[in-house]
C-alpha atoms as a PDB file:
ATOM      1  CA  MET A   1     -14.298 -13.560 -10.732  1.00  0.00           C
ATOM      2  CA  THR A   2     -11.842 -11.736 -12.770  1.00  0.00           C
ATOM      3  CA  ILE A   3      -8.126 -11.740 -11.114  1.00  0.00           C
ATOM      4  CA  ALA A   4      -5.498  -9.781 -13.246  1.00  0.00           C
ATOM      5  CA  ILE A   5      -1.575 -10.927 -13.169  1.00  0.00           C
ATOM      6  CA  LEU A   6       0.196  -7.742 -12.869  1.00  0.00           C
ATOM      7  CA  ILE A   7       4.101  -8.580 -13.436  1.00  0.00           C
ATOM      8  CA  LEU A   8       6.507  -5.675 -12.508  1.00  0.00           C
ATOM      9  CA  ALA A   9       9.303  -5.855 -15.574  1.00  0.00           C
ATOM     10  CA  ALA A  10       9.943  -2.073 -15.620  1.00  0.00           C
ATOM     11  CA  GLY A  11      12.892  -1.391 -13.318  1.00  0.00           C
ATOM     12  CA  SER A  12      16.194  -0.349 -14.721  1.00  0.00           C
ATOM     13  CA  SER A  13      18.234  -3.738 -13.536  1.00  0.00           C
ATOM     14  CA  SER A  14      21.171  -1.299 -12.739  1.00  0.00           C
ATOM     15  CA  ARG A  15      22.280  -3.769 -10.286  1.00  0.00           C
ATOM     16  CA  MET A  16      23.579  -6.142 -13.200  1.00  0.00           C
ATOM     17  CA  GLY A  17      26.005  -3.563 -14.619  1.00  0.00           C
ATOM     18  CA  PRO A  18      26.614  -2.428 -18.034  1.00  0.00           C
ATOM     19  CA  GLY A  19      25.135  -4.439 -20.849  1.00  0.00           C
ATOM     20  CA  ARG A  20      23.488  -7.090 -18.731  1.00  0.00           C
ATOM     21  CA  ASP A  21      19.425  -7.232 -17.937  1.00  0.00           C
ATOM     22  CA  LYS A  22      18.227  -9.604 -15.320  1.00  0.00           C
ATOM     23  CA  LEU A  23      15.082  -9.966 -17.251  1.00  0.00           C
ATOM     24  CA  LEU A  24      16.873 -11.231 -20.464  1.00  0.00           C
ATOM     25  CA  GLU A  25      18.982 -13.285 -18.872  1.00  0.00           C
ATOM     26  CA  PRO A  26      18.621 -16.913 -20.083  1.00  0.00           C
ATOM     27  CA  LEU A  27      16.836 -19.399 -18.428  1.00  0.00           C
ATOM     28  CA  HIS A  28      15.570 -22.755 -20.174  1.00  0.00           C
ATOM     29  CA  GLY A  29      16.969 -21.257 -23.247  1.00  0.00           C
ATOM     30  CA  ARG A  30      14.630 -18.616 -22.936  1.00  0.00           C
ATOM     31  CA  PRO A  31      14.689 -15.018 -21.636  1.00  0.00           C
ATOM     32  CA  LEU A  32      13.581 -14.942 -17.603  1.00  0.00           C
ATOM     33  CA  LEU A  33      10.927 -12.479 -18.652  1.00  0.00           C
ATOM     34  CA  THR A  34       9.275 -14.824 -21.636  1.00  0.00           C
ATOM     35  CA  LEU A  35       9.307 -17.493 -18.769  1.00  0.00           C
ATOM     36  CA  MET A  36       7.530 -15.522 -16.342  1.00  0.00           C
ATOM     37  CA  LEU A  37       5.165 -14.467 -18.853  1.00  0.00           C
ATOM     38  CA  ASP A  38       4.249 -18.122 -20.000  1.00  0.00           C
ATOM     39  CA  ARG A  39       3.873 -19.100 -16.326  1.00  0.00           C
ATOM     40  CA  ALA A  40       1.522 -16.345 -15.748  1.00  0.00           C
ATOM     41  CA  HIS A  41      -0.580 -17.145 -18.896  1.00  0.00           C
ATOM     42  CA  ALA A  42      -0.573 -20.724 -17.813  1.00  0.00           C
ATOM     43  CA  THR A  43      -2.959 -19.745 -15.009  1.00  0.00           C
ATOM     44  CA  GLY A  44      -5.875 -18.763 -17.301  1.00  0.00           C
ATOM     45  CA  CYS A  45      -5.707 -14.822 -15.960  1.00  0.00           C
ATOM     46  CA  PRO A  46      -5.545 -11.927 -18.110  1.00  0.00           C
ATOM     47  CA  VAL A  47      -1.699 -10.794 -17.796  1.00  0.00           C
ATOM     48  CA  TYR A  48      -0.445  -7.206 -17.711  1.00  0.00           C
ATOM     49  CA  ALA A  49       3.405  -6.564 -17.761  1.00  0.00           C
ATOM     50  CA  CYS A  50       4.991  -3.032 -16.887  1.00  0.00           C
ATOM     51  CA  LEU A  51       7.701  -2.017 -19.037  1.00  0.00           C
ATOM     52  CA  PRO A  52       9.720   0.848 -19.101  1.00  0.00           C
ATOM     53  CA  SER A  53       8.999   1.957 -22.780  1.00  0.00           C
ATOM     54  CA  PRO A  54       7.779   0.527 -26.450  1.00  0.00           C
ATOM     55  CA  SER A  55      11.766   0.817 -27.194  1.00  0.00           C
ATOM     56  CA  HIS A  56      12.919  -1.112 -24.557  1.00  0.00           C
ATOM     57  CA  PRO A  57      14.429  -4.413 -25.322  1.00  0.00           C
ATOM     58  CA  ARG A  58      12.128  -6.115 -23.128  1.00  0.00           C
ATOM     59  CA  ALA A  59       9.160  -4.934 -25.189  1.00  0.00           C
ATOM     60  CA  ARG A  60      10.438  -7.047 -27.922  1.00  0.00           C
ATOM     61  CA  LEU A  61       9.075 -10.066 -25.536  1.00  0.00           C
ATOM     62  CA  MET A  62       5.598  -9.081 -25.575  1.00  0.00           C
ATOM     63  CA  ASP A  63       2.874 -11.188 -27.629  1.00  0.00           C
ATOM     64  CA  ASP A  64      -0.725 -10.587 -28.206  1.00  0.00           C
ATOM     65  CA  ARG A  65      -1.511 -12.630 -25.113  1.00  0.00           C
ATOM     66  CA  THR A  66      -0.041  -9.406 -22.622  1.00  0.00           C
ATOM     67  CA  THR A  67      -1.441  -6.199 -22.286  1.00  0.00           C
ATOM     68  CA  SER A  68       1.917  -3.951 -22.133  1.00  0.00           C
ATOM     69  CA  VAL A  69       1.823  -1.010 -19.486  1.00  0.00           C
ATOM     70  CA  TRP A  70       4.440   1.614 -20.027  1.00  0.00           C
ATOM     71  CA  VAL A  71       5.944   3.430 -17.174  1.00  0.00           C
ATOM     72  CA  PRO A  72       7.681   6.630 -18.130  1.00  0.00           C
ATOM     73  CA  ASP A  73       8.878   7.041 -14.464  1.00  0.00           C
ATOM     74  CA  ALA A  74      10.021   3.561 -13.622  1.00  0.00           C
ATOM     75  CA  ASP A  75      13.185   5.051 -12.342  1.00  0.00           C
ATOM     76  CA  GLU A  76      11.201   6.178  -9.376  1.00  0.00           C
ATOM     77  CA  GLY A  77      10.978   2.747  -7.999  1.00  0.00           C
ATOM     78  CA  MET A  78       8.465  -0.157  -7.807  1.00  0.00           C
ATOM     79  CA  GLY A  79       5.609   2.033  -6.522  1.00  0.00           C
ATOM     80  CA  ALA A  80       5.562   4.024 -10.097  1.00  0.00           C
ATOM     81  CA  SER A  81       5.141   0.287 -11.508  1.00  0.00           C
ATOM     82  CA  ILE A  82       2.370  -0.764  -9.205  1.00  0.00           C
ATOM     83  CA  ARG A  83       0.764   2.554  -9.294  1.00  0.00           C
ATOM     84  CA  THR A  84       0.573   3.005 -12.878  1.00  0.00           C
ATOM     85  CA  GLY A  85      -0.227  -0.858 -13.548  1.00  0.00           C
ATOM     86  CA  ILE A  86      -3.262  -0.472 -11.257  1.00  0.00           C
ATOM     87  CA  ARG A  87      -4.474   2.479 -13.037  1.00  0.00           C
ATOM     88  CA  ALA A  88      -4.276   0.324 -16.228  1.00  0.00           C
ATOM     89  CA  LEU A  89      -6.565  -2.517 -15.294  1.00  0.00           C
ATOM     90  CA  PRO A  90     -10.459  -2.383 -16.331  1.00  0.00           C
ATOM     91  CA  ASP A  91     -13.215  -2.157 -14.101  1.00  0.00           C
ATOM     92  CA  THR A  92     -14.094  -5.628 -14.707  1.00  0.00           C
ATOM     93  CA  VAL A  93     -10.840  -6.743 -12.562  1.00  0.00           C
ATOM     94  CA  GLU A  94     -12.027  -7.404  -9.062  1.00  0.00           C
ATOM     95  CA  ALA A  95      -8.068  -8.354  -7.926  1.00  0.00           C
ATOM     96  CA  VAL A  96      -4.790  -8.321  -9.008  1.00  0.00           C
ATOM     97  CA  MET A  97      -1.904 -10.669  -8.526  1.00  0.00           C
ATOM     98  CA  ILE A  98       1.326  -8.660  -8.241  1.00  0.00           C
ATOM     99  CA  LEU A  99       4.227 -10.609  -9.302  1.00  0.00           C
ATOM    100  CA  PRO A 100       7.794  -9.304  -9.762  1.00  0.00           C
ATOM    101  CA  ALA A 101       9.447 -10.758 -12.786  1.00  0.00           C
ATOM    102  CA  ASP A 102      12.652 -11.553 -11.634  1.00  0.00           C
ATOM    103  CA  MET A 103      11.638 -14.660  -9.309  1.00  0.00           C
ATOM    104  CA  PRO A 104      12.779 -17.693 -11.228  1.00  0.00           C
ATOM    105  CA  GLU A 105      11.469 -20.300  -8.585  1.00  0.00           C
ATOM    106  CA  LEU A 106       8.185 -19.191  -8.992  1.00  0.00           C
ATOM    107  CA  THR A 107       6.300 -21.853 -10.945  1.00  0.00           C
ATOM    108  CA  ALA A 108       3.075 -21.686 -12.635  1.00  0.00           C
ATOM    109  CA  GLU A 109       1.656 -24.179 -10.165  1.00  0.00           C
ATOM    110  CA  ASP A 110       2.825 -21.685  -7.391  1.00  0.00           C
ATOM    111  CA  LEU A 111       0.807 -19.130  -8.967  1.00  0.00           C
ATOM    112  CA  ARG A 112      -2.275 -21.459  -9.034  1.00  0.00           C
ATOM    113  CA  THR A 113      -1.879 -22.285  -5.624  1.00  0.00           C
ATOM    114  CA  VAL A 114      -2.107 -18.522  -4.455  1.00  0.00           C
ATOM    115  CA  LEU A 115      -5.063 -18.179  -6.819  1.00  0.00           C
ATOM    116  CA  ASN A 116      -6.952 -20.982  -5.589  1.00  0.00           C
ATOM    117  CA  ALA A 117      -6.628 -19.481  -2.074  1.00  0.00           C
ATOM    118  CA  TYR A 118      -8.033 -16.163  -2.700  1.00  0.00           C
ATOM    119  CA  GLU A 119     -11.101 -15.453  -1.092  1.00  0.00           C
ATOM    120  CA  SER A 120     -12.818 -11.944  -1.590  1.00  0.00           C
ATOM    121  CA  GLY A 121     -11.720  -8.959   0.393  1.00  0.00           C
ATOM    122  CA  ARG A 122      -8.853 -10.934   1.762  1.00  0.00           C
ATOM    123  CA  ILE A 123      -5.321 -10.015   0.748  1.00  0.00           C
ATOM    124  CA  VAL A 124      -3.477 -13.251  -0.007  1.00  0.00           C
ATOM    125  CA  ARG A 125       0.636 -13.681  -0.084  1.00  0.00           C
ATOM    126  CA  GLY A 126       3.043 -16.388  -0.911  1.00  0.00           C
ATOM    127  CA  THR A 127       5.406 -17.402   1.705  1.00  0.00           C
ATOM    128  CA  SER A 128       8.638 -19.735   1.580  1.00  0.00           C
ATOM    129  CA  ALA A 129       7.885 -23.249   3.193  1.00  0.00           C
ATOM    130  CA  GLU A 130       9.190 -21.742   6.472  1.00  0.00           C
ATOM    131  CA  GLY A 131       6.182 -19.203   6.475  1.00  0.00           C
ATOM    132  CA  LYS A 132       8.593 -16.020   5.641  1.00  0.00           C
ATOM    133  CA  PRO A 133       6.542 -13.650   3.414  1.00  0.00           C
ATOM    134  CA  GLY A 134       7.268 -13.019   0.004  1.00  0.00           C
ATOM    135  CA  HIS A 135       5.837 -12.849  -3.565  1.00  0.00           C
ATOM    136  CA  PRO A 136       3.073 -12.933  -5.066  1.00  0.00           C
ATOM    137  CA  VAL A 137       0.634 -11.138  -3.299  1.00  0.00           C
ATOM    138  CA  ILE A 138      -3.332 -10.972  -4.411  1.00  0.00           C
ATOM    139  CA  PHE A 139      -5.076  -7.536  -3.415  1.00  0.00           C
ATOM    140  CA  PRO A 140      -8.752  -6.967  -3.669  1.00  0.00           C
ATOM    141  CA  ARG A 141     -10.224  -4.211  -5.738  1.00  0.00           C
ATOM    142  CA  ASP A 142     -10.891  -2.052  -2.309  1.00  0.00           C
ATOM    143  CA  CYS A 143      -7.087  -1.922  -2.073  1.00  0.00           C
ATOM    144  CA  PHE A 144      -6.726  -0.444  -5.738  1.00  0.00           C
ATOM    145  CA  ASP A 145      -6.889   2.923  -4.504  1.00  0.00           C
ATOM    146  CA  ASP A 146      -4.251   2.851  -2.136  1.00  0.00           C
ATOM    147  CA  LEU A 147      -1.844   0.683  -4.653  1.00  0.00           C
ATOM    148  CA  LYS A 148      -2.625   4.010  -6.955  1.00  0.00           C
ATOM    149  CA  ALA A 149      -1.270   6.366  -4.480  1.00  0.00           C
ATOM    150  CA  LEU A 150       2.241   4.730  -4.274  1.00  0.00           C
ATOM    151  CA  GLY A 151       5.552   6.133  -4.528  1.00  0.00           C
ATOM    152  CA  GLY A 152       9.002   5.412  -4.339  1.00  0.00           C
ATOM    153  CA  ASP A 153      10.815   2.013  -4.053  1.00  0.00           C
ATOM    154  CA  ARG A 154       9.085   0.618  -1.059  1.00  0.00           C
ATOM    155  CA  GLY A 155       6.028  -1.236  -3.269  1.00  0.00           C
ATOM    156  CA  ALA A 156       3.153  -2.205  -1.525  1.00  0.00           C
ATOM    157  CA  ARG A 157       4.455  -2.823   1.925  1.00  0.00           C
ATOM    158  CA  GLY A 158       2.282  -0.047   3.618  1.00  0.00           C
ATOM    159  CA  VAL A 159      -0.751  -1.180   1.861  1.00  0.00           C
ATOM    160  CA  LEU A 160       0.141  -4.658   3.551  1.00  0.00           C
ATOM    161  CA  THR A 161       0.903  -3.007   6.829  1.00  0.00           C
ATOM    162  CA  ASP A 162      -2.267  -1.013   6.797  1.00  0.00           C
ATOM    163  CA  HIS A 163      -4.336  -4.124   5.972  1.00  0.00           C
ATOM    164  CA  ALA A 164      -2.744  -6.835   7.956  1.00  0.00           C
ATOM    165  CA  GLU A 165      -5.948  -8.028   9.730  1.00  0.00           C
ATOM    166  CA  ARG A 166      -6.868  -9.178   6.293  1.00  0.00           C
ATOM    167  CA  LEU A 167      -3.774 -11.054   5.182  1.00  0.00           C
ATOM    168  CA  LYS A 168      -3.904 -14.688   4.365  1.00  0.00           C
ATOM    169  CA  LEU A 169      -0.293 -16.450   4.094  1.00  0.00           C
ATOM    170  CA  ILE A 170       0.162 -19.442   1.617  1.00  0.00           C
ATOM    171  CA  PRO A 171       3.256 -21.353   1.754  1.00  0.00           C
ATOM    172  CA  LEU A 172       5.044 -22.205  -1.238  1.00  0.00           C
ATOM    173  CA  PRO A 173       7.724 -24.895  -1.765  1.00  0.00           C
ATOM    174  CA  ALA A 174      10.934 -24.011  -0.443  1.00  0.00           C
ATOM    175  CA  ARG A 175      12.291 -20.392  -1.048  1.00  0.00           C
ATOM    176  CA  HIS A 176      10.169 -20.030  -4.154  1.00  0.00           C
ATOM    177  CA  ALA A 177       8.375 -16.982  -2.732  1.00  0.00           C
ATOM    178  CA  LEU A 178      11.588 -15.359  -1.873  1.00  0.00           C
ATOM    179  CA  THR A 179      14.372 -16.141  -4.664  1.00  0.00           C
ATOM    180  CA  ASP A 180      14.888 -12.958  -6.802  1.00  0.00           C
ATOM    181  CA  LEU A 181      18.095 -12.269  -8.494  1.00  0.00           C
ATOM    182  CA  ASP A 182      19.200  -8.874  -8.920  1.00  0.00           C
ATOM    183  CA  THR A 183      22.979  -9.041  -9.374  1.00  0.00           C
ATOM    184  CA  PRO A 184      25.597 -11.106 -11.315  1.00  0.00           C
ATOM    185  CA  GLU A 185      26.632 -12.712  -8.168  1.00  0.00           C
ATOM    186  CA  ALA A 186      23.052 -13.906  -7.215  1.00  0.00           C
ATOM    187  CA  TRP A 187      22.685 -15.089 -10.886  1.00  0.00           C
ATOM    188  CA  ALA A 188      25.914 -17.004 -10.812  1.00  0.00           C
ATOM    189  CA  ASN A 189      25.327 -18.456  -7.233  1.00  0.00           C
ATOM    190  CA  TRP A 190      21.600 -19.655  -8.095  1.00  0.00           C
ATOM    191  CA  ARG A 191      22.681 -21.275 -11.234  1.00  0.00           C
ATOM    192  CA  ALA A 192      25.681 -23.101  -9.362  1.00  0.00           C
ATOM    193  CA  GLY A 193      22.671 -24.372  -7.179  1.00  0.00           C
ATOM    194  CA  HIS A 194      20.556 -25.331 -10.299  1.00  0.00           C
ATOM    195  CA  SER A 195      23.022 -27.008 -12.515  1.00  0.00           C
ATOM    196  CA  ALA A 196      19.978 -28.455 -14.549  1.00  0.00           C
ATOM    197  CA  GLU A 197      18.544 -24.891 -15.276  1.00  0.00           C
END
Protein backbone atom coordinates (compact mmCIF):
# COMPACT_ATOMS: atom_id res chain seq x y z
CA MET A 1 0.00 0.00 0.00
CA THR A 2 1.37 3.41 -0.98
CA ILE A 3 0.78 6.19 1.53
CA ALA A 4 2.17 9.56 0.47
CA ILE A 5 3.09 12.33 2.89
CA LEU A 6 1.88 15.78 1.84
CA ILE A 7 3.75 18.53 3.68
CA LEU A 8 1.91 21.85 3.79
CA ALA A 9 4.55 24.55 3.37
CA ALA A 10 2.89 27.12 1.11
CA GLY A 11 1.50 29.55 3.69
CA SER A 12 2.63 33.17 3.83
CA SER A 13 4.00 33.07 7.40
CA SER A 14 2.51 36.56 7.76
CA ARG A 15 2.11 36.30 11.54
CA MET A 16 5.90 36.19 11.92
CA GLY A 17 6.16 39.81 10.78
CA PRO A 18 8.45 41.35 8.15
CA GLY A 19 11.59 39.47 7.22
CA ARG A 20 10.90 36.24 9.14
CA ASP A 21 9.62 32.93 7.84
CA LYS A 22 8.55 30.36 10.42
CA LEU A 23 9.59 27.48 8.16
CA LEU A 24 13.11 28.89 7.80
CA GLU A 25 13.57 29.33 11.56
CA PRO A 26 16.65 27.38 12.73
CA LEU A 27 16.17 24.19 14.71
CA HIS A 28 19.03 21.79 15.47
CA GLY A 29 21.11 24.00 13.17
CA ARG A 30 18.80 23.56 10.18
CA PRO A 31 15.66 25.30 8.90
CA LEU A 32 12.47 23.84 10.35
CA LEU A 33 11.24 22.87 6.88
CA THR A 34 14.41 20.84 6.21
CA LEU A 35 13.97 19.03 9.52
CA MET A 36 10.33 18.20 8.74
CA LEU A 37 11.27 16.94 5.28
CA ASP A 38 13.95 14.70 6.78
CA ARG A 39 11.50 13.31 9.32
CA ALA A 40 8.96 12.58 6.60
CA HIS A 41 11.58 10.86 4.41
CA ALA A 42 12.69 8.74 7.37
CA THR A 43 9.34 6.92 7.16
CA GLY A 44 10.14 5.57 3.68
CA CYS A 45 6.98 7.10 2.21
CA PRO A 46 7.01 9.27 -0.93
CA VAL A 47 7.03 12.92 0.11
CA TYR A 48 5.30 15.84 -1.61
CA ALA A 49 5.72 19.44 -0.43
CA CYS A 50 3.27 22.24 -1.21
CA LEU A 51 5.22 25.47 -1.77
CA PRO A 52 4.28 29.00 -2.86
CA SER A 53 6.43 29.16 -6.02
CA PRO A 54 9.75 28.00 -7.53
CA SER A 55 11.24 31.41 -6.71
CA HIS A 56 10.34 31.31 -3.00
CA PRO A 57 13.30 30.85 -0.59
CA ARG A 58 11.74 27.62 0.70
CA ALA A 59 12.11 26.09 -2.77
CA ARG A 60 15.90 26.10 -2.32
CA LEU A 61 15.50 23.55 0.47
CA MET A 62 14.01 20.93 -1.84
CA ASP A 63 16.10 18.05 -3.12
CA ASP A 64 15.50 15.15 -5.49
CA ARG A 65 13.83 13.09 -2.76
CA THR A 66 10.86 15.45 -2.58
CA THR A 67 8.24 16.25 -5.20
CA SER A 68 7.51 19.98 -5.14
CA VAL A 69 3.91 21.07 -5.67
CA TRP A 70 3.49 24.76 -6.50
CA VAL A 71 0.42 26.48 -5.04
CA PRO A 72 -0.02 29.82 -6.84
CA ASP A 73 -3.22 30.60 -4.89
CA ALA A 74 -1.72 29.71 -1.49
CA ASP A 75 -2.87 33.05 -0.05
CA GLU A 76 -6.41 31.68 -0.19
CA GLY A 77 -5.55 29.49 2.81
CA MET A 78 -4.80 25.92 3.79
CA GLY A 79 -7.66 24.60 1.69
CA ALA A 80 -5.87 25.69 -1.49
CA SER A 81 -2.69 23.87 -0.47
CA ILE A 82 -4.51 20.64 0.35
CA ARG A 83 -6.61 20.85 -2.82
CA THR A 84 -3.57 21.41 -5.04
CA GLY A 85 -1.47 18.81 -3.26
CA ILE A 86 -4.10 16.08 -3.56
CA ARG A 87 -4.52 16.81 -7.26
CA ALA A 88 -0.77 16.28 -7.72
CA LEU A 89 -0.73 12.76 -6.26
CA PRO A 90 -0.42 9.88 -8.72
CA ASP A 91 -3.13 7.25 -9.04
CA THR A 92 -0.92 4.71 -7.28
CA VAL A 93 -1.29 6.56 -3.96
CA GLU A 94 -3.94 4.83 -1.84
CA ALA A 95 -3.87 7.22 1.14
CA VAL A 96 -2.25 10.51 2.09
CA MET A 97 -0.83 11.82 5.35
CA ILE A 98 -1.37 15.56 5.61
CA LEU A 99 1.43 17.14 7.63
CA PRO A 100 1.68 20.88 8.38
CA ALA A 101 5.33 21.93 8.22
CA ASP A 102 5.23 24.19 11.29
CA MET A 103 4.96 21.44 13.93
CA PRO A 104 8.49 20.95 15.30
CA GLU A 105 7.60 18.41 17.97
CA LEU A 106 6.34 15.81 15.49
CA THR A 107 9.14 13.27 15.15
CA ALA A 108 9.77 10.59 12.54
CA GLU A 109 8.69 8.07 15.17
CA ASP A 110 5.39 9.93 15.64
CA LEU A 111 4.79 9.81 11.89
CA ARG A 112 5.55 6.09 11.83
CA THR A 113 3.16 5.52 14.75
CA VAL A 114 0.30 7.11 12.81
CA LEU A 115 1.26 5.34 9.58
CA ASN A 116 1.36 1.95 11.33
CA ALA A 117 -2.13 2.56 12.71
CA TYR A 118 -3.64 3.09 9.27
CA GLU A 119 -6.30 0.63 8.18
CA SER A 120 -7.78 0.70 4.68
CA GLY A 121 -10.82 2.97 4.56
CA ARG A 122 -10.19 4.62 7.94
CA ILE A 123 -9.15 8.19 8.67
CA VAL A 124 -6.31 8.19 11.20
CA ARG A 125 -5.55 11.29 13.25
CA GLY A 126 -2.82 11.99 15.78
CA THR A 127 -3.81 13.40 19.16
CA SER A 128 -2.06 14.79 22.20
CA ALA A 129 -1.31 12.37 25.03
CA GLU A 130 -4.59 13.53 26.60
CA GLY A 131 -6.55 12.76 23.42
CA LYS A 132 -7.02 16.23 21.89
CA PRO A 133 -7.11 15.81 18.08
CA GLY A 134 -4.30 17.40 16.09
CA HIS A 135 -1.90 16.33 13.33
CA PRO A 136 -0.93 14.46 11.25
CA VAL A 137 -4.04 13.03 9.58
CA ILE A 138 -4.21 10.18 7.06
CA PHE A 139 -7.07 10.16 4.54
CA PRO A 140 -7.87 7.19 2.29
CA ARG A 141 -8.25 7.65 -1.45
CA ASP A 142 -12.06 7.70 -1.33
CA CYS A 143 -11.78 11.05 0.51
CA PHE A 144 -9.61 12.60 -2.19
CA ASP A 145 -12.51 14.10 -4.16
CA ASP A 146 -13.69 15.90 -1.02
CA LEU A 147 -10.15 17.15 -0.36
CA LYS A 148 -9.82 18.38 -3.96
CA ALA A 149 -12.91 20.54 -3.42
CA LEU A 150 -11.55 22.40 -0.39
CA GLY A 151 -11.21 26.16 -0.23
CA GLY A 152 -10.51 28.87 2.32
CA ASP A 153 -8.49 28.48 5.49
CA ARG A 154 -10.47 25.78 7.30
CA GLY A 155 -8.31 22.99 6.00
CA ALA A 156 -9.91 19.56 6.05
CA ARG A 157 -12.13 20.06 9.11
CA GLY A 158 -15.30 19.65 7.09
CA VAL A 159 -14.09 16.37 5.60
CA LEU A 160 -13.27 15.09 9.08
CA THR A 161 -16.74 16.05 10.29
CA ASP A 162 -18.46 14.42 7.32
CA HIS A 163 -16.61 11.14 7.93
CA ALA A 164 -16.49 11.19 11.74
CA GLU A 165 -17.65 7.59 11.98
CA ARG A 166 -14.47 6.45 10.18
CA LEU A 167 -12.08 8.33 12.43
CA LYS A 168 -9.39 6.50 14.39
CA LEU A 169 -7.50 8.58 16.97
CA ILE A 170 -3.88 7.76 17.81
CA PRO A 171 -2.30 9.35 20.92
CA LEU A 172 1.20 10.77 20.45
CA PRO A 173 3.54 11.92 23.24
CA ALA A 174 2.82 15.09 25.20
CA ARG A 175 1.64 17.87 22.83
CA HIS A 176 3.50 16.70 19.72
CA ALA A 177 0.26 16.60 17.70
CA LEU A 178 -0.75 20.12 18.72
CA THR A 179 2.36 22.35 18.88
CA ASP A 180 2.55 24.69 15.91
CA LEU A 181 4.65 27.84 15.90
CA ASP A 182 3.16 30.74 13.96
CA THR A 183 4.46 33.88 15.70
CA PRO A 184 7.78 35.18 17.07
CA GLU A 185 6.27 34.97 20.55
CA ALA A 186 5.32 31.32 20.06
CA TRP A 187 8.84 30.53 18.87
CA ALA A 188 10.43 32.39 21.80
CA ASN A 189 8.20 30.69 24.36
CA TRP A 190 8.78 27.26 22.82
CA ARG A 191 12.54 27.74 22.69
CA ALA A 192 12.54 28.87 26.31
CA GLY A 193 11.02 25.53 27.25
CA HIS A 194 13.32 23.56 24.96
CA SER A 195 16.69 25.04 25.80
CA ALA A 196 18.50 22.07 24.26
CA GLU A 197 16.93 22.84 20.88
